[in-house]
């Protein structure tokens, strides 16, 4: 259904009347003497208010007409929809008959599916129990293999650390000998051994001379001794090691005697009787 065209209200008469009223207000203001009389002020206000209302009137009239046209269009659409609803009701009545027959077939299908689901549930339960037993067995085997790998890792780490310790001792002896050729050859051999160890994550480190003592990275020969805050390292006796970023063994160092060095534990000095071995 086609919507009727909205009538267009001519606005120029309203604008002319608006201009006349504003002109009268301006004329009264221009001809009067200041201060203006109350009746002059009231007439000016009246002319301005009437002019404003007259300027808004055509727009309000157009809005009312458009609103009525919109309501009429909605009513026409509603009537058309009601006609369509009657057709749909007829179709629904035909479909309802088909739905009853389809429902009977669906009930039979549901019964068959219920029997199949029960069998599947029993088979699934048996399969889940089998998989759980197989999973537990596999976990136990994997746990055993992991424990074996950890033990093997600890064994070859211990062997590799001992080999690097012997190489460091050999290098220290070469340095103390003062022979440049021997020092160069042993240093190259030590560097090659350390590079091979780094490939598996084992990194040796040596405390440099005059380096501040760090209890996390350094260790003293005397386990009962305590280093002062100003203590510095004089010599590295055995290298420290880190394995894959984790500290494996701190470096064994000797402290310098210039900065205070080492102090004994006070409990050990106050109770010398505890250091005396008990009779067997």
Protein backbone atom coordinates (compact mmCIF):
# COMPACT_ATOMS: atom_id res chain seq x y z
CA UNK A 1 0.00 0.00 0.00
CA UNK A 2 1.38 3.40 -1.01
CA UNK A 3 1.60 6.12 1.61
CA UNK A 4 -0.15 9.40 0.63
CA UNK A 5 2.13 12.37 0.12
CA UNK A 6 2.36 14.65 3.13
CA UNK A 7 0.82 18.09 2.40
CA UNK A 8 3.23 20.98 2.51
CA UNK A 9 2.01 23.99 4.46
CA UNK A 10 3.17 27.35 3.02
CA UNK A 11 5.23 29.11 5.66
CA UNK A 12 5.63 32.54 4.12
CA UNK A 13 2.40 34.00 5.61
CA UNK A 14 3.60 33.05 9.08
CA UNK A 15 7.01 34.53 8.43
CA UNK A 16 5.40 37.76 7.12
CA UNK A 17 3.20 38.02 10.24
CA UNK A 18 6.29 37.27 12.38
CA UNK A 19 8.20 40.06 10.64
CA UNK A 20 5.29 42.50 11.11
CA UNK A 21 5.06 41.78 14.82
CA UNK A 22 8.83 42.15 15.32
CA UNK A 23 8.66 45.37 13.25
CA UNK A 24 5.90 46.76 15.50
CA UNK A 25 7.96 45.89 18.58
CA UNK A 26 11.02 47.61 17.12
CA UNK A 27 8.95 50.64 16.04
CA UNK A 28 7.52 51.07 19.54
CA UNK A 29 10.98 50.76 21.05
CA UNK A 30 12.45 53.23 18.53
CA UNK A 31 9.66 55.88 18.98
CA UNK A 32 9.43 55.69 22.78
CA UNK A 33 11.58 57.68 25.14
CA UNK A 34 13.81 56.05 27.69
CA UNK A 35 12.91 54.92 30.21
CA UNK A 36 9.94 53.23 28.51
CA UNK A 37 6.47 53.27 29.97
CA UNK A 38 5.05 50.03 31.41
CA UNK A 39 2.39 49.77 28.67
CA UNK A 40 5.12 50.20 26.02
CA UNK A 41 7.25 47.43 27.57
CA UNK A 42 4.20 45.16 27.80
CA UNK A 43 3.24 45.82 24.16
CA UNK A 44 6.82 45.11 23.01
CA UNK A 45 6.90 41.84 24.97
CA UNK A 46 3.49 40.89 23.58
CA UNK A 47 4.61 41.54 19.98
CA UNK A 48 7.82 39.52 20.45
CA UNK A 49 5.98 36.59 22.08
CA UNK A 50 3.30 36.55 19.38
CA UNK A 51 5.97 36.70 16.68
CA UNK A 52 7.82 33.72 18.22
CA UNK A 53 4.61 31.70 18.46
CA UNK A 54 3.69 32.61 14.90
CA UNK A 55 7.16 31.49 13.69
CA UNK A 56 6.83 28.11 15.42
CA UNK A 57 3.22 27.44 14.40
CA UNK A 58 3.85 26.09 10.83
CA UNK A 59 6.38 23.58 12.08
CA UNK A 60 4.02 22.37 14.81
CA UNK A 61 1.19 21.99 12.28
CA UNK A 62 3.42 20.00 9.92
CA UNK A 63 4.53 17.75 12.79
CA UNK A 64 0.90 16.98 13.72
CA UNK A 65 0.03 16.15 10.12
CA UNK A 66 3.07 13.86 9.77
CA UNK A 67 2.21 12.14 13.05
CA UNK A 68 -1.33 11.42 11.87
CA UNK A 69 -0.01 10.09 8.55
CA UNK A 70 2.40 7.81 10.41
CA UNK A 71 -0.43 6.48 12.57
CA UNK A 72 -2.54 5.81 9.47
CA UNK A 73 0.36 3.98 7.83
CA UNK A 74 0.83 1.83 10.95
CA UNK A 75 -2.87 0.94 10.98
CA UNK A 76 -2.73 -0.05 7.31
CA UNK A 77 0.33 -2.21 7.94
CA UNK A 78 -1.39 -3.81 10.93
CA UNK A 79 -4.40 -4.74 8.77
CA UNK A 80 -2.11 -6.30 6.17
CA UNK A 81 -0.31 -8.25 8.87
CA UNK A 82 -3.60 -9.54 10.26
CA UNK A 83 -4.48 -10.88 6.81
CA UNK A 84 -1.12 -12.62 6.65
CA UNK A 85 -1.71 -14.07 10.12
CA UNK A 86 -4.89 -15.73 8.92
CA UNK A 87 -2.97 -17.43 6.13
CA UNK A 88 -0.26 -18.51 8.59
CA UNK A 89 -2.91 -19.93 10.94
CA UNK A 90 -4.21 -22.11 8.12
CA UNK A 91 -0.70 -23.32 7.39
CA UNK A 92 -0.08 -24.03 11.08
CA UNK A 93 -3.18 -26.19 11.30
CA UNK A 94 -1.89 -28.25 8.38
CA UNK A 95 1.56 -28.53 9.88
CA UNK A 96 0.19 -29.61 13.28
CA UNK A 97 -1.23 -32.75 11.69
CA UNK A 98 2.12 -33.56 10.18
CA UNK A 99 3.78 -32.83 13.53
CA UNK A 100 1.69 -35.48 15.29
CA UNK A 101 2.87 -38.16 12.89
CA UNK A 102 6.43 -36.91 13.17
CA UNK A 103 6.14 -37.04 16.96
CA UNK A 104 5.15 -40.69 16.86
CA UNK A 105 8.19 -41.46 14.73
CA UNK A 106 10.36 -39.42 17.09
CA UNK A 107 9.14 -41.41 20.12
CA UNK A 108 10.14 -44.64 18.40
CA UNK A 109 13.52 -43.15 17.50
CA UNK A 110 14.05 -41.99 21.10
CA UNK A 111 13.38 -45.45 22.43
CA UNK A 112 15.85 -46.97 19.98
CA UNK A 113 18.45 -44.31 20.82
CA UNK A 114 17.99 -44.98 24.55
CA UNK A 115 18.80 -48.65 24.08
CA UNK A 116 21.84 -47.78 21.96
CA UNK A 117 23.05 -45.21 24.51
CA UNK A 118 22.84 -47.77 27.33
CA UNK A 119 25.00 -50.20 25.39
CA UNK A 120 27.43 -47.42 24.52
CA UNK A 121 27.61 -46.35 28.17
CA UNK A 122 28.51 -49.84 29.31
CA UNK A 123 31.15 -50.18 26.59
CA UNK A 124 32.51 -46.73 27.38
CA UNK A 125 32.79 -47.59 31.07
CA UNK A 126 34.73 -50.76 30.27
CA UNK A 127 36.98 -48.88 27.86
CA UNK A 128 37.58 -46.10 30.43
CA UNK A 129 38.61 -48.66 33.05
CA UNK A 130 40.98 -50.27 30.57
CA UNK A 131 42.50 -46.92 29.61
CA UNK A 132 42.86 -45.96 33.28
CA UNK A 133 44.77 -49.15 34.04
CA UNK A 134 46.95 -48.65 30.97
CA UNK A 135 47.53 -45.01 31.95
CA UNK A 136 48.53 -45.95 35.48
CA UNK A 137 50.95 -48.56 34.16
CA UNK A 138 52.42 -46.09 31.67
CA UNK A 139 52.80 -43.44 34.40
CA UNK A 140 54.59 -45.92 36.64
CA UNK A 141 56.96 -46.87 33.81
CA UNK A 142 57.60 -43.21 32.94
CA UNK A 143 58.20 -42.36 36.60
CA UNK A 144 60.72 -45.19 36.83
CA UNK A 145 62.44 -44.00 33.64
CA UNK A 146 62.58 -40.44 34.94
CA UNK A 147 64.12 -41.60 38.20
CA UNK A 148 66.71 -43.58 36.23
CA UNK A 149 67.48 -40.51 34.11
CA UNK A 150 67.86 -38.34 37.22
CA UNK A 151 70.25 -40.86 38.76
CA UNK A 152 72.21 -41.10 35.51
CA UNK A 153 72.29 -37.31 35.27
CA UNK A 154 73.61 -37.02 38.82
CA UNK A 155 76.27 -39.68 38.09
CA UNK A 156 77.61 -38.07 34.90
CA UNK A 157 77.46 -34.61 36.49
CA UNK A 158 79.56 -35.89 39.37
CA UNK A 159 82.05 -37.45 36.97
CA UNK A 160 82.21 -34.32 34.83
CA UNK A 161 82.71 -32.06 37.86
CA UNK A 162 85.57 -34.25 39.10
CA UNK A 163 87.22 -34.17 35.68
CA UNK A 164 86.95 -30.36 35.54
CA UNK A 165 88.34 -30.15 39.08
CA UNK A 166 91.37 -32.20 38.02
CA UNK A 167 91.80 -30.00 34.94
CA UNK A 168 91.64 -26.86 37.12
CA UNK A 169 94.19 -28.35 39.53
CA UNK A 170 96.43 -29.13 36.54
CA UNK A 171 96.05 -25.54 35.28
CA UNK A 172 96.83 -24.15 38.75
CA UNK A 173 99.99 -26.25 38.89
CA UNK A 174 101.01 -25.02 35.43
CA UNK A 175 100.49 -21.38 36.47
CA UNK A 176 102.59 -21.90 39.61
CA UNK A 177 105.37 -23.46 37.53
CA UNK A 178 105.85 -20.18 35.66
CA UNK A 179 106.48 -21.82 32.26
CA UNK A 180 104.63 -19.85 29.53
CA UNK A 181 104.45 -22.74 27.04
CA UNK A 182 103.05 -25.11 29.62
CA UNK A 183 100.59 -22.50 30.85
CA UNK A 184 99.32 -21.84 27.31
CA UNK A 185 98.87 -25.52 26.50
CA UNK A 186 97.08 -26.32 29.76
CA UNK A 187 94.90 -23.18 29.47
CA UNK A 188 93.82 -24.23 25.97
CA UNK A 189 93.06 -27.74 27.22
CA UNK A 190 91.04 -26.33 30.15
CA UNK A 191 89.06 -23.98 27.89
CA UNK A 192 88.25 -26.85 25.51
CA UNK A 193 87.01 -28.97 28.42
CA UNK A 194 84.88 -26.13 29.78
CA UNK A 195 83.38 -25.43 26.34
CA UNK A 196 82.37 -29.08 26.08
CA UNK A 197 80.78 -28.92 29.54
CA UNK A 198 78.83 -25.76 28.65
CA UNK A 199 77.07 -27.64 25.83
CA UNK A 200 75.22 -29.73 28.41
CA UNK A 201 74.53 -26.75 30.71
CA UNK A 202 77.39 -27.19 33.19
CA UNK A 203 79.16 -23.83 33.58
CA UNK A 204 82.22 -23.49 35.87
CA UNK A 205 83.10 -20.14 37.41
CA UNK A 206 86.14 -18.84 39.27
CA UNK A 207 86.19 -16.06 41.87
CA UNK A 208 88.47 -13.25 40.74
CA UNK A 209 91.10 -11.74 43.04
CA UNK A 210 89.89 -8.94 45.35
CA UNK A 211 86.27 -9.94 44.60
CA UNK A 212 83.93 -9.39 47.60
CA UNK A 213 83.01 -12.58 49.42
CA UNK A 214 79.47 -13.78 48.55
CA UNK A 215 78.10 -16.56 50.82
CA UNK A 216 75.78 -17.68 48.01
CA UNK A 217 78.57 -18.22 45.46
CA UNK A 218 81.66 -18.77 47.64
CA UNK A 219 82.62 -21.30 50.31
CA UNK A 220 85.47 -21.29 52.86
CA UNK A 221 87.79 -24.15 53.65
CA UNK A 222 86.87 -24.02 57.33
CA UNK A 223 83.14 -24.71 57.61
CA UNK A 224 83.08 -23.23 61.15
CA UNK A 225 84.61 -19.91 60.06
CA UNK A 226 82.53 -16.86 59.17
CA UNK A 227 83.64 -14.17 56.71
CA UNK A 228 83.39 -10.51 57.69
CA UNK A 229 81.42 -8.00 55.63
CA UNK A 230 84.65 -6.48 54.19
CA UNK A 231 86.25 -9.83 53.32
CA UNK A 232 87.57 -10.29 49.78
CA UNK A 233 88.68 -13.35 47.86
CA UNK A 234 92.43 -13.92 47.60
CA UNK A 235 92.49 -17.23 45.69
CA UNK A 236 90.11 -19.81 44.23
CA UNK A 237 91.00 -23.30 45.44
CA UNK A 238 88.20 -25.15 43.60
CA UNK A 239 85.88 -23.82 40.92
CA UNK A 240 82.15 -23.40 41.46
CA UNK A 241 79.54 -24.80 39.05
CA UNK A 242 76.07 -23.94 37.83
CA UNK A 243 73.93 -26.42 35.94
CA UNK A 244 71.32 -24.93 33.60
CA UNK A 245 71.26 -21.67 35.56
CA UNK A 246 70.99 -23.43 38.96
CA UNK A 247 73.84 -23.30 41.47
CA UNK A 248 75.37 -26.76 41.70
CA UNK A 249 78.39 -26.10 43.94
CA UNK A 250 79.86 -22.84 45.30
CA UNK A 251 83.48 -22.00 44.61
CA UNK A 252 85.97 -22.96 47.33
CA UNK A 253 88.03 -19.85 48.09
CA UNK A 254 90.69 -18.51 50.46
CA UNK A 255 90.13 -15.00 51.81
CA UNK A 256 92.60 -12.16 51.76
CA UNK A 257 94.23 -11.25 55.09
CA UNK A 258 94.27 -7.50 54.31
CA UNK A 259 90.53 -6.86 54.92
CA UNK A 260 89.94 -8.66 58.17
CA UNK A 261 89.40 -12.09 56.63
CA UNK A 262 87.71 -14.70 58.82
CA UNK A 263 86.34 -14.82 62.34
CA UNK A 264 85.46 -18.00 64.24
CA UNK A 265 81.97 -18.79 65.45
CA UNK A 266 81.41 -17.28 68.93
CA UNK A 267 79.63 -20.37 70.24
CA UNK A 268 82.65 -22.46 69.34
CA UNK A 269 85.04 -20.07 71.16
CA UNK A 270 82.89 -19.83 74.31
CA UNK A 271 82.44 -23.57 74.73
CA UNK A 272 85.75 -25.28 73.94
CA UNK A 273 84.63 -28.35 75.90
CA UNK A 274 82.27 -29.26 73.01
CA UNK A 275 85.25 -29.50 70.62
CA UNK A 276 86.94 -32.17 72.80
CA UNK A 277 86.10 -35.59 71.37
CA UNK A 278 84.15 -37.84 73.69
CA UNK A 279 85.90 -40.96 74.94
CA UNK A 280 85.04 -44.11 73.09
